[in-house]
N, C-alpha and C. Protein backbone atom coordinates (compact mmCIF):
# COMPACT_ATOMS: atom_id res chain seq x y z
N MET A 1 59.22 -124.53 14.81
CA MET A 1 57.95 -123.55 14.49
C MET A 1 59.02 -122.90 13.05
N PRO A 2 58.10 -122.72 12.04
CA PRO A 2 58.51 -121.92 10.92
C PRO A 2 59.53 -120.85 11.23
N TYR A 3 60.40 -120.69 10.33
CA TYR A 3 61.73 -119.41 10.50
C TYR A 3 60.99 -118.26 10.70
N LYS A 4 60.13 -117.63 9.52
CA LYS A 4 59.46 -116.51 9.46
C LYS A 4 58.75 -116.44 10.86
N GLU A 5 57.54 -117.31 11.06
CA GLU A 5 56.76 -117.25 12.39
C GLU A 5 57.12 -116.78 13.65
N CYS A 6 58.56 -117.56 13.69
CA CYS A 6 59.16 -117.12 14.85
C CYS A 6 60.33 -115.79 14.90
N TRP A 7 60.67 -115.50 13.71
CA TRP A 7 61.22 -114.16 13.32
C TRP A 7 60.14 -113.10 13.76
N ASP A 8 59.07 -113.18 13.22
CA ASP A 8 58.12 -112.33 13.67
C ASP A 8 57.63 -112.32 15.11
N TYR A 9 57.40 -113.48 15.68
CA TYR A 9 57.33 -113.23 17.20
C TYR A 9 58.61 -112.87 17.82
N GLN A 10 59.93 -113.05 17.52
CA GLN A 10 60.96 -112.20 18.23
C GLN A 10 60.83 -110.97 18.29
N GLN A 11 60.28 -110.36 16.74
CA GLN A 11 60.25 -108.84 16.80
C GLN A 11 59.22 -108.45 17.62
N LYS A 12 58.33 -109.08 17.92
CA LYS A 12 57.16 -108.40 18.66
C LYS A 12 57.39 -108.38 20.09
N LEU A 13 58.23 -109.31 20.68
CA LEU A 13 58.74 -109.22 21.95
C LEU A 13 59.85 -108.42 21.93
N PHE A 14 60.71 -108.00 20.87
CA PHE A 14 61.61 -107.26 20.96
C PHE A 14 61.42 -105.94 21.01
N ASN A 15 60.17 -105.41 20.08
CA ASN A 15 59.72 -104.14 20.02
C ASN A 15 58.82 -103.70 21.50
N GLU A 16 58.12 -104.93 22.33
CA GLU A 16 57.53 -104.39 23.76
C GLU A 16 58.63 -104.44 24.65
N LEU A 17 59.64 -104.97 24.65
CA LEU A 17 60.72 -104.87 25.49
C LEU A 17 61.09 -103.11 25.36
N LEU A 18 61.67 -103.03 24.01
CA LEU A 18 62.14 -101.51 23.66
C LEU A 18 61.01 -100.55 24.22
N ALA A 19 59.66 -100.62 24.35
CA ALA A 19 58.53 -100.02 24.81
C ALA A 19 58.82 -99.86 26.21
N LYS A 20 58.91 -100.83 27.04
CA LYS A 20 58.76 -100.91 28.05
C LYS A 20 60.29 -100.41 28.81
N GLN A 21 61.20 -100.10 28.14
CA GLN A 21 62.35 -99.50 28.89
C GLN A 21 62.20 -97.97 29.33
N GLY A 22 62.72 -97.94 30.71
CA GLY A 22 62.40 -96.39 31.29
C GLY A 22 61.30 -97.00 32.50
N GLY A 23 60.53 -97.97 32.08
CA GLY A 23 59.43 -97.98 33.22
C GLY A 23 59.87 -99.05 34.32
N ARG A 24 58.83 -99.31 35.22
CA ARG A 24 59.04 -100.15 36.40
C ARG A 24 59.40 -101.45 36.50
N SER A 25 58.93 -101.93 35.40
CA SER A 25 58.85 -103.15 35.05
C SER A 25 60.63 -104.16 35.28
N GLU A 26 60.43 -105.07 35.98
CA GLU A 26 61.67 -105.93 36.35
C GLU A 26 62.07 -107.17 35.17
N HIS A 27 60.84 -106.96 34.43
CA HIS A 27 61.10 -108.30 33.51
C HIS A 27 62.10 -107.91 32.53
N ALA A 28 62.92 -109.11 32.72
CA ALA A 28 64.28 -108.68 31.64
C ALA A 28 64.42 -109.23 30.51
N GLY A 29 63.18 -109.97 29.91
CA GLY A 29 62.85 -110.39 28.60
C GLY A 29 62.71 -111.58 28.53
N THR A 30 62.99 -112.29 27.60
CA THR A 30 62.45 -113.82 26.78
C THR A 30 63.26 -114.70 26.64
N ILE A 31 63.43 -115.76 26.65
CA ILE A 31 64.51 -116.65 25.94
C ILE A 31 63.82 -117.79 25.25
N ILE A 32 63.52 -117.53 24.13
CA ILE A 32 63.06 -118.65 23.22
C ILE A 32 63.69 -119.69 22.81
N PHE A 33 63.64 -121.04 22.98
CA PHE A 33 64.38 -122.02 22.48
C PHE A 33 63.43 -122.72 21.18
N VAL A 34 63.76 -123.07 20.47
CA VAL A 34 62.92 -123.36 19.08
C VAL A 34 63.58 -124.48 18.26
N GLU A 35 62.89 -125.21 17.52
CA GLU A 35 63.61 -125.87 16.38
C GLU A 35 62.84 -125.44 14.98
N HIS A 36 63.66 -125.41 14.15
CA HIS A 36 63.12 -124.98 12.87
C HIS A 36 62.65 -125.74 11.79
N PRO A 37 62.43 -125.87 10.78
CA PRO A 37 62.47 -126.68 9.63
C PRO A 37 63.71 -126.23 8.85
N ALA A 38 64.10 -127.15 7.68
CA ALA A 38 65.27 -126.68 7.25
C ALA A 38 65.23 -125.33 6.78
N VAL A 39 66.17 -124.31 6.87
CA VAL A 39 66.16 -122.95 6.79
C VAL A 39 67.93 -122.47 6.80
N TYR A 40 68.20 -121.71 5.37
CA TYR A 40 69.45 -121.04 5.61
C TYR A 40 68.96 -119.56 5.59
N THR A 41 69.81 -119.01 6.64
CA THR A 41 69.93 -117.60 6.84
C THR A 41 71.17 -117.16 6.52
N LEU A 42 71.24 -115.55 5.91
CA LEU A 42 72.53 -114.74 5.63
C LEU A 42 72.33 -113.43 6.56
N GLY A 43 73.31 -113.26 7.29
CA GLY A 43 73.76 -112.07 8.21
C GLY A 43 73.35 -111.00 7.10
N LYS A 44 73.34 -109.66 7.79
CA LYS A 44 73.05 -108.68 7.16
C LYS A 44 74.55 -108.12 6.43
N SER A 45 75.60 -108.57 6.54
CA SER A 45 76.97 -108.21 6.24
C SER A 45 77.62 -109.54 5.71
N GLY A 46 76.69 -110.83 5.41
CA GLY A 46 77.21 -111.72 5.12
C GLY A 46 77.44 -111.91 3.37
N ASN A 47 78.01 -112.90 3.00
CA ASN A 47 78.32 -112.60 1.22
C ASN A 47 77.35 -114.06 0.68
N MET A 48 76.66 -113.51 -0.17
CA MET A 48 75.67 -114.47 -0.98
C MET A 48 76.25 -115.77 -1.88
N SER A 49 77.84 -115.35 -2.12
CA SER A 49 78.53 -116.61 -2.87
C SER A 49 78.74 -117.67 -1.76
N ASN A 50 78.47 -117.45 -0.58
CA ASN A 50 78.88 -118.72 0.58
C ASN A 50 77.63 -119.34 0.52
N MET A 51 76.79 -119.46 -0.42
CA MET A 51 75.37 -120.09 -0.60
C MET A 51 75.83 -120.88 -1.81
N LEU A 52 75.86 -122.29 -1.58
CA LEU A 52 76.72 -122.95 -2.82
C LEU A 52 75.64 -123.61 -3.76
N ILE A 53 74.26 -123.34 -3.52
CA ILE A 53 73.12 -123.98 -4.31
C ILE A 53 72.53 -123.07 -4.68
N ASP A 54 71.69 -123.39 -5.84
CA ASP A 54 70.83 -122.28 -6.52
C ASP A 54 69.54 -122.40 -6.04
N GLU A 55 68.34 -121.64 -6.22
CA GLU A 55 67.26 -121.36 -5.64
C GLU A 55 66.18 -122.66 -5.76
N ALA A 56 66.30 -123.36 -7.36
CA ALA A 56 65.98 -124.38 -7.39
C ALA A 56 66.19 -125.39 -6.74
N ARG A 57 67.96 -125.68 -6.51
CA ARG A 57 68.11 -126.99 -5.72
C ARG A 57 67.42 -126.84 -4.14
N LEU A 58 67.48 -125.33 -3.71
CA LEU A 58 67.06 -125.26 -2.53
C LEU A 58 65.65 -125.93 -2.39
N LYS A 59 64.89 -125.36 -3.35
CA LYS A 59 63.30 -125.89 -2.85
C LYS A 59 62.93 -127.21 -3.44
N ALA A 60 63.87 -127.77 -4.26
CA ALA A 60 63.84 -129.17 -4.40
C ALA A 60 64.11 -129.98 -2.99
N LEU A 61 65.18 -129.69 -1.94
CA LEU A 61 65.40 -130.01 -1.01
C LEU A 61 64.28 -129.65 0.14
N GLY A 62 63.56 -128.90 -0.37
CA GLY A 62 62.32 -128.46 0.73
C GLY A 62 62.84 -127.37 2.17
N ALA A 63 63.72 -126.62 1.63
CA ALA A 63 64.68 -125.81 2.62
C ALA A 63 64.21 -124.34 2.16
N GLU A 64 64.00 -123.46 3.07
CA GLU A 64 64.02 -122.14 2.81
C GLU A 64 65.44 -121.20 3.07
N PHE A 65 65.22 -119.97 2.73
CA PHE A 65 66.35 -119.29 2.56
C PHE A 65 65.73 -117.59 2.87
N TYR A 66 66.41 -116.74 4.16
CA TYR A 66 66.31 -115.67 4.39
C TYR A 66 67.40 -114.73 4.54
N HIS A 67 67.09 -113.66 4.04
CA HIS A 67 68.57 -112.63 4.69
C HIS A 67 67.86 -112.07 5.52
N ILE A 68 68.62 -112.00 6.85
CA ILE A 68 68.05 -111.40 8.01
C ILE A 68 69.07 -110.03 8.33
N ASP A 69 68.50 -109.48 9.46
CA ASP A 69 69.30 -108.29 10.00
C ASP A 69 70.14 -108.79 11.56
N ARG A 70 70.87 -110.11 11.24
CA ARG A 70 71.61 -110.11 12.35
C ARG A 70 73.08 -109.87 11.98
N GLY A 71 73.99 -110.31 12.69
CA GLY A 71 75.64 -110.32 12.72
C GLY A 71 75.74 -111.43 12.16
N GLY A 72 77.37 -111.77 11.60
CA GLY A 72 77.39 -113.02 10.76
C GLY A 72 77.04 -113.37 9.64
N ASP A 73 77.57 -114.36 9.13
CA ASP A 73 77.33 -114.76 7.58
C ASP A 73 76.37 -115.62 7.34
N ILE A 74 76.45 -116.75 6.69
CA ILE A 74 75.38 -117.82 6.64
C ILE A 74 75.14 -118.57 7.30
N THR A 75 74.17 -119.57 7.83
CA THR A 75 73.86 -120.74 8.51
C THR A 75 72.85 -121.23 8.22
N PHE A 76 72.72 -122.64 8.78
CA PHE A 76 71.85 -123.36 8.57
C PHE A 76 70.95 -123.42 9.82
N HIS A 77 69.70 -123.96 9.81
CA HIS A 77 68.84 -124.27 11.04
C HIS A 77 67.69 -125.53 10.47
N GLY A 78 67.64 -126.75 11.28
CA GLY A 78 66.89 -127.73 10.89
C GLY A 78 66.89 -128.45 12.23
N GLU A 79 66.05 -129.39 11.82
CA GLU A 79 65.66 -130.65 13.02
C GLU A 79 66.83 -130.97 13.75
N GLY A 80 66.77 -131.27 15.15
CA GLY A 80 68.01 -131.61 15.80
C GLY A 80 68.74 -130.90 16.20
N GLN A 81 68.26 -129.43 16.36
CA GLN A 81 69.45 -128.34 16.33
C GLN A 81 68.71 -127.45 17.37
N VAL A 82 69.57 -127.02 18.33
CA VAL A 82 68.62 -126.04 19.53
C VAL A 82 69.24 -124.47 19.14
N VAL A 83 68.03 -124.11 18.53
CA VAL A 83 68.29 -122.52 18.41
C VAL A 83 67.69 -121.63 19.36
N CYS A 84 68.24 -120.91 19.79
CA CYS A 84 67.88 -119.90 21.10
C CYS A 84 68.00 -118.58 20.96
N TYR A 85 66.63 -117.80 21.18
CA TYR A 85 66.92 -116.54 20.96
C TYR A 85 66.41 -115.50 21.90
N PRO A 86 67.70 -115.05 22.63
CA PRO A 86 67.58 -113.91 23.85
C PRO A 86 66.83 -112.73 23.26
N ILE A 87 65.86 -112.61 23.81
CA ILE A 87 65.46 -110.97 23.59
C ILE A 87 65.41 -110.78 25.04
N LEU A 88 66.97 -109.86 25.27
CA LEU A 88 66.77 -109.12 26.69
C LEU A 88 67.33 -107.84 26.89
N ASP A 89 67.04 -107.20 28.03
CA ASP A 89 67.67 -105.88 28.43
C ASP A 89 68.85 -105.62 28.84
N LEU A 90 69.97 -105.54 28.08
CA LEU A 90 71.27 -105.66 28.56
C LEU A 90 71.16 -104.64 29.62
N GLU A 91 70.99 -103.53 29.37
CA GLU A 91 71.03 -102.19 30.40
C GLU A 91 70.48 -102.74 31.63
N LYS A 92 69.19 -103.45 31.74
CA LYS A 92 68.59 -104.19 33.02
C LYS A 92 69.40 -105.26 33.52
N LEU A 93 70.38 -105.71 32.81
CA LEU A 93 71.20 -106.79 32.98
C LEU A 93 72.59 -106.28 33.78
N GLY A 94 72.72 -105.01 33.30
CA GLY A 94 74.15 -104.43 33.70
C GLY A 94 75.11 -104.59 32.91
N ILE A 95 75.05 -104.80 31.49
CA ILE A 95 76.35 -105.65 31.11
C ILE A 95 76.22 -105.07 29.49
N GLY A 96 76.83 -104.76 28.77
CA GLY A 96 77.45 -104.68 27.32
C GLY A 96 77.14 -105.33 26.47
N LEU A 97 77.26 -105.21 24.81
CA LEU A 97 77.08 -106.59 24.35
C LEU A 97 78.29 -107.43 24.11
N ARG A 98 79.61 -106.96 24.41
CA ARG A 98 80.54 -107.63 24.34
C ARG A 98 80.28 -109.07 25.17
N ARG A 99 80.02 -108.35 26.54
CA ARG A 99 79.96 -109.17 27.75
C ARG A 99 78.67 -110.22 27.36
N TYR A 100 77.78 -110.22 26.50
CA TYR A 100 76.53 -110.50 26.27
C TYR A 100 77.12 -111.85 25.40
N VAL A 101 77.72 -111.52 24.52
CA VAL A 101 78.44 -112.54 23.47
C VAL A 101 79.17 -113.36 24.20
N GLU A 102 79.90 -112.92 24.81
CA GLU A 102 80.59 -114.00 26.11
C GLU A 102 80.23 -114.75 26.66
N ILE A 103 79.14 -114.47 27.18
CA ILE A 103 77.95 -115.26 28.08
C ILE A 103 77.49 -116.16 27.65
N LEU A 104 77.08 -116.15 26.17
CA LEU A 104 76.54 -116.82 25.36
C LEU A 104 77.05 -118.05 25.12
N GLU A 105 78.93 -117.45 24.76
CA GLU A 105 79.87 -118.41 24.57
C GLU A 105 80.16 -119.62 25.47
N GLN A 106 80.23 -118.76 26.62
CA GLN A 106 80.54 -119.78 27.86
C GLN A 106 79.29 -120.58 28.53
N SER A 107 77.89 -120.07 28.20
CA SER A 107 76.93 -121.33 28.37
C SER A 107 77.16 -122.37 27.71
N ILE A 108 77.70 -122.22 26.37
CA ILE A 108 77.49 -123.16 25.26
C ILE A 108 78.63 -124.16 25.76
N ILE A 109 79.89 -123.19 25.93
CA ILE A 109 80.86 -124.20 26.73
C ILE A 109 80.86 -125.01 27.76
N GLU A 110 79.91 -124.44 28.67
CA GLU A 110 79.73 -125.08 29.85
C GLU A 110 78.60 -126.32 29.12
N THR A 111 77.64 -125.99 28.36
CA THR A 111 76.69 -127.00 27.82
C THR A 111 77.51 -128.37 27.33
N VAL A 112 78.34 -127.92 26.55
CA VAL A 112 78.81 -129.08 26.02
C VAL A 112 79.82 -129.88 27.12
N ALA A 113 80.50 -129.17 27.68
CA ALA A 113 81.22 -129.99 29.09
C ALA A 113 80.46 -130.91 29.49
N GLU A 114 79.13 -130.81 29.92
CA GLU A 114 78.45 -131.43 30.44
C GLU A 114 78.12 -133.15 29.67
N TYR A 115 78.95 -133.34 28.43
CA TYR A 115 78.74 -134.33 27.63
C TYR A 115 80.28 -134.78 27.60
N GLY A 116 81.11 -133.90 28.36
CA GLY A 116 82.78 -134.37 28.12
C GLY A 116 83.16 -133.85 27.02
N ILE A 117 82.93 -132.89 26.45
CA ILE A 117 83.05 -132.53 25.05
C ILE A 117 83.82 -130.82 25.39
N ASN A 118 85.05 -130.53 24.91
CA ASN A 118 85.93 -129.61 25.23
C ASN A 118 85.64 -128.60 24.24
N GLY A 119 84.50 -127.50 24.64
CA GLY A 119 84.18 -126.62 23.58
C GLY A 119 85.34 -125.13 24.13
N ARG A 120 85.67 -124.63 23.09
CA ARG A 120 86.51 -123.45 23.37
C ARG A 120 86.01 -122.39 22.31
N ARG A 121 86.73 -120.93 22.46
CA ARG A 121 86.49 -120.37 21.76
C ARG A 121 87.44 -120.03 20.21
N LEU A 122 87.52 -119.28 19.67
CA LEU A 122 88.27 -119.36 18.65
C LEU A 122 88.37 -118.09 18.07
N GLU A 123 89.84 -117.16 18.45
CA GLU A 123 90.29 -115.97 18.16
C GLU A 123 89.61 -115.47 16.49
N GLY A 124 89.03 -114.58 16.71
CA GLY A 124 88.33 -113.98 15.18
C GLY A 124 87.37 -114.54 14.95
N ALA A 125 86.53 -115.66 15.51
CA ALA A 125 85.49 -116.42 14.97
C ALA A 125 84.33 -116.39 16.02
N THR A 126 83.44 -115.79 16.09
CA THR A 126 82.31 -115.91 16.96
C THR A 126 81.81 -117.21 17.14
N GLY A 127 81.17 -117.89 18.17
CA GLY A 127 80.93 -119.20 18.29
C GLY A 127 81.54 -119.90 19.48
N VAL A 128 81.32 -121.43 19.03
CA VAL A 128 82.08 -122.12 19.65
C VAL A 128 82.36 -123.18 19.09
N TRP A 129 83.49 -123.81 19.35
CA TRP A 129 84.41 -124.69 18.31
C TRP A 129 85.30 -125.99 19.30
N LEU A 130 85.47 -126.79 18.27
CA LEU A 130 86.35 -127.84 18.69
C LEU A 130 87.30 -127.90 18.05
N CYS A 131 88.32 -128.93 18.66
CA CYS A 131 89.60 -129.22 17.90
C CYS A 131 90.23 -130.50 18.26
N ASP A 132 91.07 -130.88 17.44
CA ASP A 132 92.18 -131.87 17.98
C ASP A 132 93.27 -131.52 18.43
N GLU A 133 93.86 -132.08 19.31
CA GLU A 133 95.41 -131.67 19.92
C GLU A 133 96.43 -132.59 19.72
N VAL A 134 97.00 -132.49 18.66
CA VAL A 134 98.24 -133.55 18.11
C VAL A 134 99.72 -132.84 18.45
N GLU A 135 100.06 -134.30 19.05
CA GLU A 135 101.57 -133.73 19.44
C GLU A 135 102.38 -134.50 18.32
N LEU A 136 103.13 -133.73 18.21
CA LEU A 136 104.18 -133.73 16.98
C LEU A 136 105.51 -134.42 17.64
N PRO A 137 106.23 -135.18 16.59
CA PRO A 137 107.50 -135.85 17.31
C PRO A 137 108.32 -135.18 18.03
N ASN A 138 108.67 -133.49 17.94
CA ASN A 138 109.31 -132.96 18.89
C ASN A 138 108.97 -132.49 19.96
N GLY A 139 107.65 -133.25 20.35
CA GLY A 139 106.92 -132.85 21.28
C GLY A 139 105.98 -131.58 21.65
N GLU A 140 105.90 -131.16 20.37
CA GLU A 140 105.13 -129.70 20.34
C GLU A 140 103.54 -130.20 20.10
N THR A 141 102.72 -129.55 20.78
CA THR A 141 101.20 -129.75 20.38
C THR A 141 100.82 -128.73 19.45
N VAL A 142 99.74 -129.40 18.66
CA VAL A 142 99.03 -128.40 17.72
C VAL A 142 97.73 -128.71 17.52
N GLU A 143 97.30 -127.47 17.41
CA GLU A 143 95.65 -127.51 17.24
C GLU A 143 95.08 -127.72 15.87
N ARG A 144 94.34 -128.91 15.23
CA ARG A 144 93.77 -129.54 14.15
C ARG A 144 92.41 -129.44 13.82
N ASN A 145 91.89 -129.56 13.02
CA ASN A 145 90.68 -130.03 12.76
C ASN A 145 89.23 -129.26 13.34
N TRP A 146 89.69 -127.75 13.23
CA TRP A 146 88.57 -126.96 14.02
C TRP A 146 87.37 -127.11 13.13
N ARG A 147 86.09 -127.44 14.14
CA ARG A 147 84.96 -127.72 13.85
C ARG A 147 83.74 -127.01 14.98
N LYS A 148 83.14 -125.94 13.75
CA LYS A 148 81.96 -125.27 14.99
C LYS A 148 80.94 -126.23 15.25
N ILE A 149 80.56 -125.95 16.98
CA ILE A 149 79.56 -127.03 17.23
C ILE A 149 78.55 -125.87 17.33
N CYS A 150 78.64 -124.80 17.54
CA CYS A 150 77.35 -123.50 17.97
C CYS A 150 77.78 -122.41 16.97
N ALA A 151 76.69 -121.89 16.42
CA ALA A 151 76.76 -120.46 15.71
C ALA A 151 76.36 -119.37 16.39
N ILE A 152 76.97 -118.70 16.60
CA ILE A 152 76.30 -117.09 17.11
C ILE A 152 76.21 -116.03 16.22
N GLY A 153 74.92 -115.20 16.25
CA GLY A 153 74.82 -114.17 15.35
C GLY A 153 73.68 -113.45 16.09
N VAL A 154 74.09 -112.04 16.26
CA VAL A 154 72.69 -111.20 17.27
C VAL A 154 72.63 -109.95 16.45
N LYS A 155 71.46 -109.30 17.05
CA LYS A 155 71.46 -108.01 16.80
C LYS A 155 70.88 -107.27 18.08
N ALA A 156 71.40 -105.87 18.50
CA ALA A 156 71.11 -105.32 19.13
C ALA A 156 70.62 -103.69 19.18
N SER A 157 69.77 -103.22 19.74
CA SER A 157 69.26 -101.87 19.19
C SER A 157 68.97 -101.45 21.13
N ARG A 158 69.32 -100.50 21.21
CA ARG A 158 68.99 -99.44 22.77
C ARG A 158 69.44 -100.83 23.80
N PHE A 159 70.21 -101.58 23.59
CA PHE A 159 70.48 -102.52 24.71
C PHE A 159 69.51 -103.56 24.81
N VAL A 160 68.59 -103.77 23.51
CA VAL A 160 67.89 -104.88 23.56
C VAL A 160 68.38 -106.02 22.60
N THR A 161 68.28 -107.40 22.96
CA THR A 161 68.73 -108.03 21.84
C THR A 161 67.70 -108.81 21.22
N MET A 162 68.11 -109.71 20.00
CA MET A 162 67.53 -110.02 19.06
C MET A 162 68.69 -111.29 18.54
N HIS A 163 67.97 -112.48 17.81
CA HIS A 163 68.38 -113.63 17.30
C HIS A 163 69.52 -113.88 18.34
N GLY A 164 70.24 -115.19 17.77
CA GLY A 164 71.30 -115.64 19.37
C GLY A 164 72.09 -116.80 18.71
N LEU A 165 71.26 -117.83 18.94
CA LEU A 165 72.63 -119.24 19.08
C LEU A 165 72.10 -120.47 18.19
N ALA A 166 72.79 -120.99 17.73
CA ALA A 166 72.08 -122.65 17.33
C ALA A 166 73.15 -123.45 17.55
N LEU A 167 72.79 -124.68 18.34
CA LEU A 167 73.90 -125.57 18.98
C LEU A 167 73.32 -127.00 18.41
N ASN A 168 74.17 -127.61 17.54
CA ASN A 168 74.06 -128.63 16.73
C ASN A 168 73.98 -129.59 18.00
N ALA A 169 72.59 -130.44 17.90
CA ALA A 169 72.73 -131.46 19.12
C ALA A 169 72.63 -132.54 18.26
N SER A 170 71.67 -132.95 17.45
CA SER A 170 71.72 -134.05 16.31
C SER A 170 71.37 -133.67 15.16
N THR A 171 71.55 -132.54 14.50
CA THR A 171 71.67 -131.85 13.68
C THR A 171 72.24 -133.00 12.26
N ASP A 172 71.52 -132.77 10.98
CA ASP A 172 71.98 -133.69 10.13
C ASP A 172 73.22 -132.72 9.28
N LEU A 173 74.22 -133.23 9.51
CA LEU A 173 75.17 -132.09 9.08
C LEU A 173 75.55 -132.26 7.51
N LYS A 174 74.82 -132.89 6.80
CA LYS A 174 74.91 -132.78 5.25
C LYS A 174 74.39 -131.19 4.96
N TRP A 175 73.67 -130.82 5.50
CA TRP A 175 72.96 -129.54 5.08
C TRP A 175 74.30 -128.54 4.94
N PHE A 176 75.04 -128.61 5.78
CA PHE A 176 76.24 -127.76 6.17
C PHE A 176 77.11 -127.51 4.71
N THR A 177 76.91 -128.76 3.98
CA THR A 177 77.70 -129.23 2.93
C THR A 177 77.57 -128.17 1.66
N MET A 178 76.22 -127.56 1.71
CA MET A 178 75.59 -126.80 0.41
C MET A 178 76.08 -125.49 0.71
N ILE A 179 76.61 -124.84 1.65
CA ILE A 179 77.21 -123.74 2.13
C ILE A 179 78.50 -123.72 2.71
N ASN A 180 79.15 -122.30 2.59
CA ASN A 180 80.48 -122.26 3.24
C ASN A 180 79.77 -121.54 4.92
N PRO A 181 79.73 -122.52 5.78
CA PRO A 181 79.28 -122.36 7.03
C PRO A 181 80.15 -120.80 7.71
N CYS A 182 79.26 -120.03 8.00
CA CYS A 182 79.67 -118.69 8.53
C CYS A 182 80.78 -118.21 7.92
N GLY A 183 80.89 -118.48 6.76
CA GLY A 183 81.88 -118.11 5.61
C GLY A 183 83.22 -118.40 5.39
N PHE A 184 83.24 -119.64 6.29
CA PHE A 184 84.62 -120.30 6.56
C PHE A 184 84.63 -121.30 5.35
N ILE A 185 85.82 -121.43 4.67
CA ILE A 185 85.91 -122.71 3.81
C ILE A 185 87.00 -123.69 4.19
N ASP A 186 87.89 -123.53 5.46
CA ASP A 186 88.62 -124.31 6.04
C ASP A 186 88.28 -125.03 7.32
N LYS A 187 87.05 -124.74 7.81
CA LYS A 187 86.76 -125.09 8.59
C LYS A 187 85.35 -125.91 8.48
N GLY A 188 85.56 -126.94 9.73
CA GLY A 188 84.17 -128.00 9.47
C GLY A 188 82.96 -127.84 10.51
N VAL A 189 82.18 -128.49 10.56
CA VAL A 189 80.98 -128.66 11.56
C VAL A 189 80.67 -129.74 12.22
N THR A 190 80.38 -129.94 13.23
CA THR A 190 79.95 -130.78 14.20
C THR A 190 78.75 -130.84 14.98
N SER A 191 78.40 -132.01 15.50
CA SER A 191 77.11 -131.92 16.78
C SER A 191 77.62 -132.54 17.65
N ILE A 192 76.71 -132.55 19.00
CA ILE A 192 77.15 -133.35 20.19
C ILE A 192 76.98 -134.89 19.81
N SER A 193 75.88 -135.04 19.13
CA SER A 193 75.46 -136.49 18.83
C SER A 193 76.97 -137.02 17.72
N LYS A 194 77.35 -136.57 16.73
CA LYS A 194 78.61 -136.68 16.27
C LYS A 194 79.86 -137.27 17.04
N GLU A 195 79.96 -136.20 17.89
CA GLU A 195 81.51 -136.06 19.05
C GLU A 195 81.12 -137.25 19.87
N LEU A 196 79.98 -137.73 20.36
CA LEU A 196 79.92 -138.96 21.14
C LEU A 196 79.49 -140.17 20.69
N GLY A 197 78.86 -139.99 19.36
CA GLY A 197 78.37 -141.31 18.58
C GLY A 197 77.21 -141.49 19.55
N ARG A 198 76.40 -141.01 19.83
CA ARG A 198 75.18 -141.45 20.01
C ARG A 198 73.89 -140.08 20.08
N GLU A 199 72.94 -140.42 20.02
CA GLU A 199 71.91 -139.50 19.87
C GLU A 199 71.51 -138.21 20.92
N VAL A 200 71.79 -137.51 20.99
CA VAL A 200 71.52 -136.20 21.85
C VAL A 200 70.38 -135.23 21.35
N ASN A 201 69.03 -135.55 21.71
CA ASN A 201 67.92 -134.84 20.98
C ASN A 201 67.65 -133.12 21.34
N PHE A 202 66.97 -132.80 20.71
CA PHE A 202 66.52 -131.48 21.01
C PHE A 202 66.32 -130.79 22.54
N GLU A 203 65.39 -131.82 23.04
CA GLU A 203 64.46 -131.85 24.62
C GLU A 203 65.82 -131.84 25.43
N GLU A 204 66.69 -132.85 25.48
CA GLU A 204 67.77 -132.82 26.34
C GLU A 204 68.97 -131.90 26.14
N ALA A 205 69.21 -131.53 24.95
CA ALA A 205 70.23 -130.64 25.04
C ALA A 205 69.68 -129.11 25.31
N SER A 206 68.47 -128.45 25.08
CA SER A 206 67.99 -127.43 25.38
C SER A 206 67.63 -127.22 26.91
N GLN A 207 67.37 -128.38 27.53
CA GLN A 207 67.15 -128.10 29.16
C GLN A 207 68.40 -127.88 29.98
N VAL A 208 69.53 -128.37 29.60
CA VAL A 208 70.94 -128.30 29.99
C VAL A 208 71.36 -126.58 29.58
N LEU A 209 71.20 -126.55 28.25
CA LEU A 209 71.48 -125.05 27.97
C LEU A 209 70.61 -124.04 28.52
N CYS A 210 69.15 -124.24 28.87
CA CYS A 210 68.82 -123.10 29.73
C CYS A 210 69.26 -122.88 30.85
N LYS A 211 69.54 -124.16 31.66
CA LYS A 211 70.23 -124.04 33.04
C LYS A 211 70.94 -123.08 32.98
N LYS A 212 72.06 -123.29 32.00
CA LYS A 212 73.42 -122.70 31.87
C LYS A 212 73.15 -120.92 31.61
N LEU A 213 72.20 -120.82 30.79
CA LEU A 213 71.64 -119.61 30.45
C LEU A 213 71.26 -118.48 31.87
N LEU A 214 70.47 -119.17 32.21
CA LEU A 214 70.08 -118.74 33.36
C LEU A 214 71.00 -118.29 34.53
N ALA A 215 71.90 -119.54 34.88
CA ALA A 215 72.63 -118.81 35.90
C ALA A 215 73.89 -117.79 35.66
N ASN A 216 73.98 -118.36 34.05
CA ASN A 216 75.33 -116.92 33.63
C ASN A 216 74.67 -115.63 33.86
N PHE A 217 73.40 -115.61 33.44
CA PHE A 217 73.20 -114.15 33.17
C PHE A 217 72.07 -113.79 34.70
N ASN A 218 72.40 -114.76 35.58
CA ASN A 218 71.70 -114.54 36.65
C ASN A 218 70.13 -114.13 36.76
N LEU A 219 69.58 -115.06 36.03
CA LEU A 219 68.04 -114.87 35.68
C LEU A 219 67.20 -115.89 36.42
N GLU A 220 66.12 -115.97 36.70
CA GLU A 220 65.10 -116.89 36.97
C GLU A 220 64.01 -116.91 36.40
N ARG A 221 63.42 -118.12 36.30
CA ARG A 221 62.55 -118.16 35.11
C ARG A 221 61.02 -117.59 35.96
N GLU A 222 60.32 -117.08 35.09
CA GLU A 222 59.05 -116.28 35.60
C GLU A 222 57.92 -117.60 35.70
N GLN A 223 57.24 -117.88 37.12
CA GLN A 223 56.33 -118.71 37.20
C GLN A 223 55.39 -118.69 36.83
């Protein structure tokens, strides 16, 4: 789905959930899984200098750009990437925003673990990361080559969430060379497919992630 069309759909669901707050509905919200055509998005506090190409080059590549109302800096969405937008009532779930983000991160860590990948958190940097552990001659172990496999950027108003996460399943990583991903200039980007050396597509990865999110938020699919 094109980014703007999905953003409008998110906003509709977000407004409907806000309107239902205080009512008797047990509906906790909606979780959208979607693939976007090539698009760059910049969070409300992001720095435009992290976009490394101009508008003409952007158009020539067939990509779009939107400055949006989530947290975080700049990122890319495109084919082979599992983009997930939970529109959830955190009050109904009994959790705060910090715990909500922790659950998103934990669900991604558990998802990539299904593929034998050791995802982790990085202090001061929201999302899920990978790194290499290198043993030095003196026996100490250092962490090097930090690379992001999943970006997270959310918005919440009156305990209702919007936006979400983007997990690189088989994303073409060349798109990230045209930005400073999430504002970082000293860290890389990776995908499940790159780490494994085989393709893991949207359909496969989204099914794994969906199961993890439902379990960790203690939710059930509406029949």
